[in-house]
């Protein structure tokens, strides 16, 4: 089964040393790759670069900023290939940012032909 691990955190958090965090992510990714569960992932640019699009009555409404104004913002994601939700949650707990923010795990929806 595939799961998306959405990584949320507070931008500019003072108590997180960026170099240490990068080193922790390097270790995590090596472990996840060795286990064969990592299908991909990326970090996202800061929310100041976000643009939201909504189509209402046939017209696109473009808004600078993220979809929702919240304390924690979506900062990146990983795609996991795991046997079940329990395994996906175990890997999500190993994501370094889980110590500072939140990791939301959601199954990928499969559409039958």
PDB file of N, CA and C in Angstrom:
ATOM      1  N   UNK A   1       0.841  -1.181   0.000  1.00  0.00           N
ATOM      2  CA  UNK A   1       0.000   0.000   0.000  1.00  0.00           C
ATOM      3  C   UNK A   1       0.882   1.239   0.000  1.00  0.00           C
ATOM      4  N   UNK A   2       0.389   2.279  -0.645  1.00  0.00           N
ATOM      5  CA  UNK A   2       1.115   3.535  -0.637  1.00  0.00           C
ATOM      6  C   UNK A   2       0.479   4.504   0.351  1.00  0.00           C
ATOM      7  N   UNK A   3       1.348   5.264   1.031  1.00  0.00           N
ATOM      8  CA  UNK A   3       0.921   6.260   2.000  1.00  0.00           C
ATOM      9  C   UNK A   3       1.705   7.539   1.755  1.00  0.00           C
ATOM     10  N   UNK A   4       1.036   8.671   1.922  1.00  0.00           N
ATOM     11  CA  UNK A   4       1.708   9.957   1.841  1.00  0.00           C
ATOM     12  C   UNK A   4       1.886  10.485   3.257  1.00  0.00           C
ATOM     13  N   UNK A   5       3.114  10.801   3.606  1.00  0.00           N
ATOM     14  CA  UNK A   5       3.421  11.399   4.912  1.00  0.00           C
ATOM     15  C   UNK A   5       3.616  12.893   4.679  1.00  0.00           C
ATOM     16  N   UNK A   6       2.658  13.683   5.143  1.00  0.00           N
ATOM     17  CA  UNK A   6       2.691  15.139   4.986  1.00  0.00           C
ATOM     18  C   UNK A   6       3.337  15.745   6.220  1.00  0.00           C
ATOM     19  N   UNK A   7       4.385  16.529   6.015  1.00  0.00           N
ATOM     20  CA  UNK A   7       5.193  17.038   7.117  1.00  0.00           C
ATOM     21  C   UNK A   7       4.834  18.504   7.368  1.00  0.00           C
ATOM     22  N   UNK A   8       4.324  18.772   8.567  1.00  0.00           N
ATOM     23  CA  UNK A   8       3.923  20.120   8.955  1.00  0.00           C
ATOM     24  C   UNK A   8       4.835  20.640  10.057  1.00  0.00           C
ATOM     25  N   UNK A   9       5.145  21.912   9.994  1.00  0.00           N
ATOM     26  CA  UNK A   9       5.960  22.534  11.029  1.00  0.00           C
ATOM     27  C   UNK A   9       5.782  24.033  11.005  1.00  0.00           C
ATOM     28  N   UNK A  10       6.384  24.685  11.972  1.00  0.00           N
ATOM     29  CA  UNK A  10       6.332  26.139  12.055  1.00  0.00           C
ATOM     30  C   UNK A  10       7.590  26.691  11.421  1.00  0.00           C
ATOM     31  N   UNK A  11       7.426  27.514  10.392  1.00  0.00           N
ATOM     32  CA  UNK A  11       8.586  28.097   9.725  1.00  0.00           C
ATOM     33  C   UNK A  11       9.350  29.001  10.674  1.00  0.00           C
ATOM     34  N   UNK A  12      10.673  28.974  10.537  1.00  0.00           N
ATOM     35  CA  UNK A  12      11.511  29.853  11.341  1.00  0.00           C
ATOM     36  C   UNK A  12      11.562  29.487  12.806  1.00  0.00           C
ATOM     37  N   UNK A  13      11.290  28.245  13.128  1.00  0.00           N
ATOM     38  CA  UNK A  13      11.285  27.806  14.519  1.00  0.00           C
ATOM     39  C   UNK A  13      12.705  27.930  15.078  1.00  0.00           C
ATOM     40  N   UNK A  14      12.869  28.729  16.128  1.00  0.00           N
ATOM     41  CA  UNK A  14      14.185  29.041  16.667  1.00  0.00           C
ATOM     42  C   UNK A  14      14.877  27.876  17.340  1.00  0.00           C
ATOM     43  N   UNK A  15      14.127  26.918  17.880  1.00  0.00           N
ATOM     44  CA  UNK A  15      14.747  25.838  18.641  1.00  0.00           C
ATOM     45  C   UNK A  15      15.201  24.663  17.772  1.00  0.00           C
ATOM     46  N   UNK A  16      15.164  24.833  16.435  1.00  0.00           N
ATOM     47  CA  UNK A  16      15.595  23.781  15.526  1.00  0.00           C
ATOM     48  C   UNK A  16      16.825  24.260  14.763  1.00  0.00           C
ATOM     49  N   UNK A  17      17.964  23.581  14.975  1.00  0.00           N
ATOM     50  CA  UNK A  17      19.182  23.891  14.241  1.00  0.00           C
ATOM     51  C   UNK A  17      19.083  23.250  12.860  1.00  0.00           C
ATOM     52  N   UNK A  18      19.112  24.064  11.806  1.00  0.00           N
ATOM     53  CA  UNK A  18      18.886  23.564  10.454  1.00  0.00           C
ATOM     54  C   UNK A  18      19.937  22.535  10.037  1.00  0.00           C
ATOM     55  N   UNK A  19      21.192  22.728  10.374  1.00  0.00           N
ATOM     56  CA  UNK A  19      22.230  21.773  10.004  1.00  0.00           C
ATOM     57  C   UNK A  19      21.984  20.410  10.667  1.00  0.00           C
ATOM     58  N   UNK A  20      21.608  20.436  11.937  1.00  0.00           N
ATOM     59  CA  UNK A  20      21.296  19.191  12.649  1.00  0.00           C
ATOM     60  C   UNK A  20      20.100  18.510  12.011  1.00  0.00           C
ATOM     61  N   UNK A  21      19.076  19.289  11.660  1.00  0.00           N
ATOM     62  CA  UNK A  21      17.880  18.724  11.041  1.00  0.00           C
ATOM     63  C   UNK A  21      18.216  18.085   9.699  1.00  0.00           C
ATOM     64  N   UNK A  22      19.043  18.736   8.897  1.00  0.00           N
ATOM     65  CA  UNK A  22      19.441  18.179   7.598  1.00  0.00           C
ATOM     66  C   UNK A  22      20.187  16.868   7.798  1.00  0.00           C
ATOM     67  N   UNK A  23      21.072  16.819   8.776  1.00  0.00           N
ATOM     68  CA  UNK A  23      21.796  15.578   9.068  1.00  0.00           C
ATOM     69  C   UNK A  23      20.835  14.470   9.494  1.00  0.00           C
ATOM     70  N   UNK A  24      19.831  14.820  10.311  1.00  0.00           N
ATOM     71  CA  UNK A  24      18.845  13.821  10.748  1.00  0.00           C
ATOM     72  C   UNK A  24      18.035  13.301   9.557  1.00  0.00           C
ATOM     73  N   UNK A  25      17.673  14.187   8.639  1.00  0.00           N
ATOM     74  CA  UNK A  25      16.938  13.768   7.438  1.00  0.00           C
ATOM     75  C   UNK A  25      17.793  12.866   6.553  1.00  0.00           C
ATOM     76  N   UNK A  26      19.082  13.150   6.445  1.00  0.00           N
ATOM     77  CA  UNK A  26      19.981  12.315   5.649  1.00  0.00           C
ATOM     78  C   UNK A  26      20.015  10.895   6.199  1.00  0.00           C
ATOM     79  N   UNK A  27      20.103  10.767   7.514  1.00  0.00           N
ATOM     80  CA  UNK A  27      20.098   9.448   8.161  1.00  0.00           C
ATOM     81  C   UNK A  27      18.754   8.754   7.934  1.00  0.00           C
ATOM     82  N   UNK A  28      17.645   9.490   8.132  1.00  0.00           N
ATOM     83  CA  UNK A  28      16.310   8.913   7.928  1.00  0.00           C
ATOM     84  C   UNK A  28      16.146   8.391   6.502  1.00  0.00           C
ATOM     85  N   UNK A  29      16.507   9.214   5.509  1.00  0.00           N
ATOM     86  CA  UNK A  29      16.327   8.824   4.116  1.00  0.00           C
ATOM     87  C   UNK A  29      17.181   7.606   3.760  1.00  0.00           C
ATOM     88  N   UNK A  30      18.390   7.534   4.289  1.00  0.00           N
ATOM     89  CA  UNK A  30      19.233   6.360   4.040  1.00  0.00           C
ATOM     90  C   UNK A  30      18.582   5.100   4.613  1.00  0.00           C
ATOM     91  N   UNK A  31      18.036   5.199   5.825  1.00  0.00           N
ATOM     92  CA  UNK A  31      17.376   4.058   6.450  1.00  0.00           C
ATOM     93  C   UNK A  31      16.127   3.646   5.679  1.00  0.00           C
ATOM     94  N   UNK A  32      15.312   4.625   5.272  1.00  0.00           N
ATOM     95  CA  UNK A  32      14.087   4.331   4.536  1.00  0.00           C
ATOM     96  C   UNK A  32      14.394   3.757   3.155  1.00  0.00           C
ATOM     97  N   UNK A  33      15.438   4.261   2.505  1.00  0.00           N
ATOM     98  CA  UNK A  33      15.842   3.709   1.208  1.00  0.00           C
ATOM     99  C   UNK A  33      16.327   2.279   1.362  1.00  0.00           C
ATOM    100  N   UNK A  34      17.118   2.011   2.393  1.00  0.00           N
ATOM    101  CA  UNK A  34      17.615   0.651   2.639  1.00  0.00           C
ATOM    102  C   UNK A  34      16.477  -0.327   2.879  1.00  0.00           C
ATOM    103  N   UNK A  35      15.426   0.154   3.529  1.00  0.00           N
ATOM    104  CA  UNK A  35      14.264  -0.697   3.805  1.00  0.00           C
ATOM    105  C   UNK A  35      13.368  -0.867   2.580  1.00  0.00           C
ATOM    106  N   UNK A  36      13.592  -0.063   1.541  1.00  0.00           N
ATOM    107  CA  UNK A  36      12.815  -0.173   0.312  1.00  0.00           C
ATOM    108  C   UNK A  36      11.419   0.399   0.390  1.00  0.00           C
ATOM    109  N   UNK A  37      11.163   1.276   1.357  1.00  0.00           N
ATOM    110  CA  UNK A  37       9.797   1.809   1.501  1.00  0.00           C
ATOM    111  C   UNK A  37       9.653   3.225   0.940  1.00  0.00           C
ATOM    112  N   UNK A  38      10.760   3.879   0.589  1.00  0.00           N
ATOM    113  CA  UNK A  38      10.705   5.279   0.183  1.00  0.00           C
ATOM    114  C   UNK A  38      10.458   5.391  -1.310  1.00  0.00           C
ATOM    115  N   UNK A  39       9.309   5.945  -1.672  1.00  0.00           N
ATOM    116  CA  UNK A  39       8.948   6.113  -3.077  1.00  0.00           C
ATOM    117  C   UNK A  39       9.245   7.494  -3.608  1.00  0.00           C
ATOM    118  N   UNK A  40       9.688   8.382  -2.743  1.00  0.00           N
ATOM    119  CA  UNK A  40      10.004   9.746  -3.153  1.00  0.00           C
ATOM    120  C   UNK A  40       9.676  10.719  -2.048  1.00  0.00           C
ATOM    121  N   UNK A  41       9.979  11.952  -2.284  1.00  0.00           N
ATOM    122  CA  UNK A  41       9.690  12.992  -1.313  1.00  0.00           C
ATOM    123  C   UNK A  41      10.395  14.273  -1.680  1.00  0.00           C
ATOM    124  N   UNK A  42       9.905  15.363  -1.158  1.00  0.00           N
ATOM    125  CA  UNK A  42      10.494  16.665  -1.415  1.00  0.00           C
ATOM    126  C   UNK A  42      10.183  17.618  -0.277  1.00  0.00           C
ATOM    127  N   UNK A  43      11.076  18.574  -0.098  1.00  0.00           N
ATOM    128  CA  UNK A  43      10.795  19.718   0.777  1.00  0.00           C
ATOM    129  C   UNK A  43      10.138  20.789  -0.087  1.00  0.00           C
ATOM    130  N   UNK A  44       9.345  21.622   0.539  1.00  0.00           N
ATOM    131  CA  UNK A  44       8.669  22.705  -0.170  1.00  0.00           C
ATOM    132  C   UNK A  44       9.311  24.045   0.179  1.00  0.00           C
ATOM    133  N   UNK A  45       9.240  24.971  -0.749  1.00  0.00           N
ATOM    134  CA  UNK A  45       9.709  26.330  -0.499  1.00  0.00           C
ATOM    135  C   UNK A  45       8.825  26.956   0.586  1.00  0.00           C
ATOM    136  N   UNK A  46       9.272  28.055   1.222  1.00  0.00           N
ATOM    137  CA  UNK A  46       8.491  28.687   2.301  1.00  0.00           C
ATOM    138  C   UNK A  46       7.085  29.111   1.845  1.00  0.00           C
ATOM    139  N   UNK A  47       6.188  29.273   2.817  1.00  0.00           N
ATOM    140  CA  UNK A  47       4.807  29.644   2.481  1.00  0.00           C
ATOM    141  C   UNK A  47       4.715  30.995   1.798  1.00  0.00           C
ATOM    142  N   UNK A  48       5.739  31.824   1.929  1.00  0.00           N
ATOM    143  CA  UNK A  48       5.722  33.121   1.239  1.00  0.00           C
ATOM    144  C   UNK A  48       5.714  32.947  -0.279  1.00  0.00           C
ATOM    145  N   UNK A  49       6.061  31.754  -0.767  1.00  0.00           N
ATOM    146  CA  UNK A  49       6.062  31.482  -2.209  1.00  0.00           C
ATOM    147  C   UNK A  49       4.763  30.838  -2.679  1.00  0.00           C
ATOM    148  N   UNK A  50       3.856  30.521  -1.753  1.00  0.00           N
ATOM    149  CA  UNK A  50       2.623  29.799  -2.092  1.00  0.00           C
ATOM    150  C   UNK A  50       1.631  30.703  -2.819  1.00  0.00           C
ATOM    151  N   UNK A  51       0.905  30.096  -3.742  1.00  0.00           N
ATOM    152  CA  UNK A  51      -0.217  30.741  -4.423  1.00  0.00           C
ATOM    153  C   UNK A  51      -1.346  29.732  -4.460  1.00  0.00           C
ATOM    154  N   UNK A  52      -2.542  30.165  -4.111  1.00  0.00           N
ATOM    155  CA  UNK A  52      -3.710  29.289  -4.092  1.00  0.00           C
ATOM    156  C   UNK A  52      -4.639  29.628  -5.244  1.00  0.00           C
ATOM    157  N   UNK A  53      -5.234  28.603  -5.842  1.00  0.00           N
ATOM    158  CA  UNK A  53      -6.169  28.776  -6.957  1.00  0.00           C
ATOM    159  C   UNK A  53      -7.488  28.132  -6.587  1.00  0.00           C
ATOM    160  N   UNK A  54      -8.564  28.893  -6.752  1.00  0.00           N
ATOM    161  CA  UNK A  54      -9.911  28.371  -6.563  1.00  0.00           C
ATOM    162  C   UNK A  54     -10.718  28.785  -7.798  1.00  0.00           C
ATOM    163  N   UNK A  55     -11.534  27.885  -8.301  1.00  0.00           N
ATOM    164  CA  UNK A  55     -12.399  28.227  -9.425  1.00  0.00           C
ATOM    165  C   UNK A  55     -13.815  28.342  -8.896  1.00  0.00           C
ATOM    166  N   UNK A  56     -14.398  29.525  -9.050  1.00  0.00           N
ATOM    167  CA  UNK A  56     -15.760  29.799  -8.598  1.00  0.00           C
ATOM    168  C   UNK A  56     -16.533  30.401  -9.771  1.00  0.00           C
ATOM    169  N   UNK A  57     -17.680  29.817 -10.052  1.00  0.00           N
ATOM    170  CA  UNK A  57     -18.537  30.271 -11.147  1.00  0.00           C
ATOM    171  C   UNK A  57     -17.746  30.408 -12.441  1.00  0.00           C
ATOM    172  N   UNK A  58     -16.863  29.415 -12.678  1.00  0.00           N
ATOM    173  CA  UNK A  58     -16.093  29.373 -13.912  1.00  0.00           C
ATOM    174  C   UNK A  58     -14.899  30.303 -13.967  1.00  0.00           C
ATOM    175  N   UNK A  59     -14.642  31.057 -12.916  1.00  0.00           N
ATOM    176  CA  UNK A  59     -13.530  32.007 -12.903  1.00  0.00           C
ATOM    177  C   UNK A  59     -12.476  31.570 -11.892  1.00  0.00           C
ATOM    178  N   UNK A  60     -11.219  31.627 -12.294  1.00  0.00           N
ATOM    179  CA  UNK A  60     -10.125  31.296 -11.382  1.00  0.00           C
ATOM    180  C   UNK A  60      -9.867  32.479 -10.463  1.00  0.00           C
ATOM    181  N   UNK A  61      -9.825  32.196  -9.169  1.00  0.00           N
ATOM    182  CA  UNK A  61      -9.468  33.201  -8.168  1.00  0.00           C
ATOM    183  C   UNK A  61      -8.068  32.856  -7.670  1.00  0.00           C
ATOM    184  N   UNK A  62      -7.137  33.762  -7.885  1.00  0.00           N
ATOM    185  CA  UNK A  62      -5.743  33.541  -7.502  1.00  0.00           C
ATOM    186  C   UNK A  62      -5.459  34.351  -6.244  1.00  0.00           C
ATOM    187  N   UNK A  63      -4.917  33.683  -5.216  1.00  0.00           N
ATOM    188  CA  UNK A  63      -4.626  34.335  -3.943  1.00  0.00           C
ATOM    189  C   UNK A  63      -3.182  34.043  -3.558  1.00  0.00           C
ATOM    190  N   UNK A  64      -2.435  35.078  -3.206  1.00  0.00           N
ATOM    191  CA  UNK A  64      -1.090  34.863  -2.681  1.00  0.00           C
ATOM    192  C   UNK A  64      -1.207  34.227  -1.311  1.00  0.00           C
ATOM    193  N   UNK A  65      -0.382  33.223  -1.074  1.00  0.00           N
ATOM    194  CA  UNK A  65      -0.371  32.579   0.235  1.00  0.00           C
ATOM    195  C   UNK A  65      -0.915  31.173   0.191  1.00  0.00           C
ATOM    196  N   UNK A  66      -0.813  30.487   1.323  1.00  0.00           N
ATOM    197  CA  UNK A  66      -1.257  29.088   1.409  1.00  0.00           C
ATOM    198  C   UNK A  66      -2.774  28.982   1.441  1.00  0.00           C
ATOM    199  N   UNK A  67      -3.271  27.761   1.297  1.00  0.00           N
ATOM    200  CA  UNK A  67      -4.704  27.495   1.316  1.00  0.00           C
ATOM    201  C   UNK A  67      -5.321  27.930   2.638  1.00  0.00           C
ATOM    202  N   UNK A  68      -4.647  27.643   3.736  1.00  0.00           N
ATOM    203  CA  UNK A  68      -5.179  27.987   5.057  1.00  0.00           C
ATOM    204  C   UNK A  68      -4.099  28.674   5.882  1.00  0.00           C
ATOM    205  N   UNK A  69      -4.491  29.677   6.624  1.00  0.00           N
ATOM    206  CA  UNK A  69      -3.579  30.351   7.547  1.00  0.00           C
ATOM    207  C   UNK A  69      -3.593  29.583   8.852  1.00  0.00           C
ATOM    208  N   UNK A  70      -2.499  28.919   9.155  1.00  0.00           N
ATOM    209  CA  UNK A  70      -2.406  28.129  10.373  1.00  0.00           C
ATOM    210  C   UNK A  70      -1.033  28.322  11.001  1.00  0.00           C
ATOM    211  N   UNK A  71      -0.885  27.870  12.228  1.00  0.00           N
ATOM    212  CA  UNK A  71       0.406  27.956  12.903  1.00  0.00           C
ATOM    213  C   UNK A  71       1.435  27.066  12.216  1.00  0.00           C
ATOM    214  N   UNK A  72       1.035  25.848  11.869  1.00  0.00           N
ATOM    215  CA  UNK A  72       1.936  24.926  11.182  1.00  0.00           C
ATOM    216  C   UNK A  72       1.608  24.907   9.687  1.00  0.00           C
ATOM    217  N   UNK A  73       2.666  24.880   8.872  1.00  0.00           N
ATOM    218  CA  UNK A  73       2.495  24.855   7.433  1.00  0.00           C
ATOM    219  C   UNK A  73       3.071  23.572   6.859  1.00  0.00           C
ATOM    220  N   UNK A  74       2.521  23.176   5.708  1.00  0.00           N
ATOM    221  CA  UNK A  74       3.039  22.020   4.994  1.00  0.00           C
ATOM    222  C   UNK A  74       4.431  22.354   4.488  1.00  0.00           C
ATOM    223  N   UNK A  75       5.424  21.559   4.904  1.00  0.00           N
ATOM    224  CA  UNK A  75       6.805  21.840   4.536  1.00  0.00           C
ATOM    225  C   UNK A  75       7.416  20.812   3.605  1.00  0.00           C
ATOM    226  N   UNK A  76       6.757  19.662   3.451  1.00  0.00           N
ATOM    227  CA  UNK A  76       7.286  18.626   2.578  1.00  0.00           C
ATOM    228  C   UNK A  76       6.493  17.347   2.723  1.00  0.00           C
ATOM    229  N   UNK A  77       6.958  16.319   2.035  1.00  0.00           N
ATOM    230  CA  UNK A  77       6.229  15.053   2.065  1.00  0.00           C
ATOM    231  C   UNK A  77       7.160  13.905   1.701  1.00  0.00           C
ATOM    232  N   UNK A  78       6.738  12.710   2.060  1.00  0.00           N
ATOM    233  CA  UNK A  78       7.357  11.465   1.609  1.00  0.00           C
ATOM    234  C   UNK A  78       6.261  10.542   1.119  1.00  0.00           C
ATOM    235  N   UNK A  79       6.574   9.766   0.106  1.00  0.00           N
ATOM    236  CA  UNK A  79       5.695   8.710  -0.362  1.00  0.00           C
ATOM    237  C   UNK A  79       6.275   7.391   0.125  1.00  0.00           C
ATOM    238  N   UNK A  80       5.493   6.668   0.921  1.00  0.00           N
ATOM    239  CA  UNK A  80       5.923   5.384   1.470  1.00  0.00           C
ATOM    240  C   UNK A  80       5.207   4.246   0.766  1.00  0.00           C
ATOM    241  N   UNK A  81       5.901   3.134   0.585  1.00  0.00           N
ATOM    242  CA  UNK A  81       5.306   1.879   0.136  1.00  0.00           C
ATOM    243  C   UNK A  81       5.436   0.915   1.307  1.00  0.00           C
ATOM    244  N   UNK A  82       4.323   0.702   2.028  1.00  0.00           N
ATOM    245  CA  UNK A  82       4.340  -0.091   3.259  1.00  0.00           C
ATOM    246  C   UNK A  82       3.279  -1.190   3.187  1.00  0.00           C
ATOM    247  N   UNK A  83       3.458  -2.216   4.017  1.00  0.00           N
ATOM    248  CA  UNK A  83       2.496  -3.325   4.008  1.00  0.00           C
ATOM    249  C   UNK A  83       1.155  -2.921   4.598  1.00  0.00           C
ATOM    250  N   UNK A  84       1.166  -1.952   5.544  1.00  0.00           N
ATOM    251  CA  UNK A  84      -0.082  -1.528   6.179  1.00  0.00           C
ATOM    252  C   UNK A  84       0.121  -0.181   6.877  1.00  0.00           C
ATOM    253  N   UNK A  85      -0.948   0.334   7.455  1.00  0.00           N
ATOM    254  CA  UNK A  85      -0.899   1.624   8.133  1.00  0.00           C
ATOM    255  C   UNK A  85       0.063   1.609   9.311  1.00  0.00           C
ATOM    256  N   UNK A  86       0.100   0.521  10.045  1.00  0.00           N
ATOM    257  CA  UNK A  86       1.006   0.446  11.200  1.00  0.00           C
ATOM    258  C   UNK A  86       2.461   0.657  10.785  1.00  0.00           C
ATOM    259  N   UNK A  87       2.861   0.030   9.693  1.00  0.00           N
ATOM    260  CA  UNK A  87       4.233   0.215   9.222  1.00  0.00           C
ATOM    261  C   UNK A  87       4.460   1.656   8.767  1.00  0.00           C
ATOM    262  N   UNK A  88       3.489   2.235   8.075  1.00  0.00           N
ATOM    263  CA  UNK A  88       3.612   3.630   7.625  1.00  0.00           C
ATOM    264  C   UNK A  88       3.733   4.575   8.811  1.00  0.00           C
ATOM    265  N   UNK A  89       2.971   4.327   9.871  1.00  0.00           N
ATOM    266  CA  UNK A  89       3.042   5.169  11.068  1.00  0.00           C
ATOM    267  C   UNK A  89       4.388   5.023  11.772  1.00  0.00           C
ATOM    268  N   UNK A  90       4.935   3.821  11.758  1.00  0.00           N
ATOM    269  CA  UNK A  90       6.243   3.600  12.360  1.00  0.00           C
ATOM    270  C   UNK A  90       7.303   4.426  11.631  1.00  0.00           C
ATOM    271  N   UNK A  91       7.246   4.440  10.294  1.00  0.00           N
ATOM    272  CA  UNK A  91       8.205   5.236   9.523  1.00  0.00           C
ATOM    273  C   UNK A  91       7.953   6.728   9.696  1.00  0.00           C
ATOM    274  N   UNK A  92       6.691   7.138   9.749  1.00  0.00           N
ATOM    275  CA  UNK A  92       6.367   8.554   9.946  1.00  0.00           C
ATOM    276  C   UNK A  92       6.941   9.067  11.263  1.00  0.00           C
ATOM    277  N   UNK A  93       6.912   8.237  12.286  1.00  0.00           N
ATOM    278  CA  UNK A  93       7.449   8.631  13.591  1.00  0.00           C
ATOM    279  C   UNK A  93       8.959   8.831  13.544  1.00  0.00           C
ATOM    280  N   UNK A  94       9.619   8.243  12.554  1.00  0.00           N
ATOM    281  CA  UNK A  94      11.064   8.399  12.402  1.00  0.00           C
ATOM    282  C   UNK A  94      11.445   9.664  11.637  1.00  0.00           C
ATOM    283  N   UNK A  95      10.489  10.317  11.008  1.00  0.00           N
ATOM    284  CA  UNK A  95      10.786  11.554  10.279  1.00  0.00           C
ATOM    285  C   UNK A  95      11.227  12.599  11.297  1.00  0.00           C
ATOM    286  N   UNK A  96      12.405  13.206  11.105  1.00  0.00           N
ATOM    287  CA  UNK A  96      12.930  14.130  12.112  1.00  0.00           C
ATOM    288  C   UNK A  96      11.970  15.241  12.533  1.00  0.00           C
ATOM    289  N   UNK A  97      11.203  15.782  11.619  1.00  0.00           N
ATOM    290  CA  UNK A  97      10.302  16.888  11.967  1.00  0.00           C
ATOM    291  C   UNK A  97       9.129  16.469  12.838  1.00  0.00           C
ATOM    292  N   UNK A  98       8.904  15.171  12.991  1.00  0.00           N
ATOM    293  CA  UNK A  98       7.842  14.718  13.887  1.00  0.00           C
ATOM    294  C   UNK A  98       8.137  15.143  15.326  1.00  0.00           C
ATOM    295  N   UNK A  99       9.413  15.394  15.634  1.00  0.00           N
ATOM    296  CA  UNK A  99       9.801  15.852  16.976  1.00  0.00           C
ATOM    297  C   UNK A  99       9.462  17.328  17.211  1.00  0.00           C
ATOM    298  N   UNK A 100       9.248  18.070  16.135  1.00  0.00           N
ATOM    299  CA  UNK A 100       9.038  19.511  16.240  1.00  0.00           C
ATOM    300  C   UNK A 100       7.675  19.964  15.740  1.00  0.00           C
ATOM    301  N   UNK A 101       7.050  19.142  14.911  1.00  0.00           N
ATOM    302  CA  UNK A 101       5.772  19.510  14.308  1.00  0.00           C
ATOM    303  C   UNK A 101       4.852  18.308  14.262  1.00  0.00           C
ATOM    304  N   UNK A 102       4.213  18.114  13.117  1.00  0.00           N
ATOM    305  CA  UNK A 102       3.236  17.040  12.942  1.00  0.00           C
ATOM    306  C   UNK A 102       3.474  16.361  11.606  1.00  0.00           C
ATOM    307  N   UNK A 103       3.320  15.040  11.579  1.00  0.00           N
ATOM    308  CA  UNK A 103       3.345  14.299  10.322  1.00  0.00           C
ATOM    309  C   UNK A 103       1.989  13.625  10.167  1.00  0.00           C
ATOM    310  N   UNK A 104       1.285  13.997   9.121  1.00  0.00           N
ATOM    311  CA  UNK A 104      -0.024  13.405   8.810  1.00  0.00           C
ATOM    312  C   UNK A 104       0.192  12.288   7.796  1.00  0.00           C
ATOM    313  N   UNK A 105      -0.351  11.109   8.074  1.00  0.00           N
ATOM    314  CA  UNK A 105      -0.198   9.954   7.185  1.00  0.00           C
ATOM    315  C   UNK A 105      -1.551   9.631   6.581  1.00  0.00           C
ATOM    316  N   UNK A 106      -1.570   9.558   5.240  1.00  0.00           N
ATOM    317  CA  UNK A 106      -2.830   9.238   4.548  1.00  0.00           C
ATOM    318  C   UNK A 106      -2.584   8.204   3.473  1.00  0.00           C
ATOM    319  N   UNK A 107      -3.472   7.220   3.381  1.00  0.00           N
ATOM    320  CA  UNK A 107      -3.335   6.235   2.304  1.00  0.00           C
ATOM    321  C   UNK A 107      -3.616   6.885   0.942  1.00  0.00           C
ATOM    322  N   UNK A 108      -2.904   6.397  -0.060  1.00  0.00           N
ATOM    323  CA  UNK A 108      -3.151   6.836  -1.433  1.00  0.00           C
ATOM    324  C   UNK A 108      -4.381   6.085  -1.941  1.00  0.00           C
ATOM    325  N   UNK A 109      -5.319   6.815  -2.513  1.00  0.00           N
ATOM    326  CA  UNK A 109      -6.538   6.211  -3.034  1.00  0.00           C
ATOM    327  C   UNK A 109      -6.236   5.485  -4.350  1.00  0.00           C
ATOM    328  N   UNK A 110      -6.720   4.273  -4.452  1.00  0.00           N
ATOM    329  CA  UNK A 110      -6.544   3.466  -5.662  1.00  0.00           C
ATOM    330  C   UNK A 110      -7.863   3.446  -6.416  1.00  0.00           C
ATOM    331  N   UNK A 111      -7.823   3.843  -7.674  1.00  0.00           N
ATOM    332  CA  UNK A 111      -9.014   3.821  -8.521  1.00  0.00           C
ATOM    333  C   UNK A 111      -8.961   2.573  -9.398  1.00  0.00           C
ATOM    334  N   UNK A 112     -10.026   1.818  -9.366  1.00  0.00           N
ATOM    335  CA  UNK A 112     -10.124   0.614 -10.203  1.00  0.00           C
ATOM    336  C   UNK A 112     -10.479   1.031 -11.616  1.00  0.00           C
ATOM    337  N   UNK A 113      -9.911   0.319 -12.588  1.00  0.00           N
ATOM    338  CA  UNK A 113     -10.229   0.601 -14.008  1.00  0.00           C
ATOM    339  C   UNK A 113     -11.621   0.174 -14.351  1.00  0.00           C
TER     340      UNK A 113
END
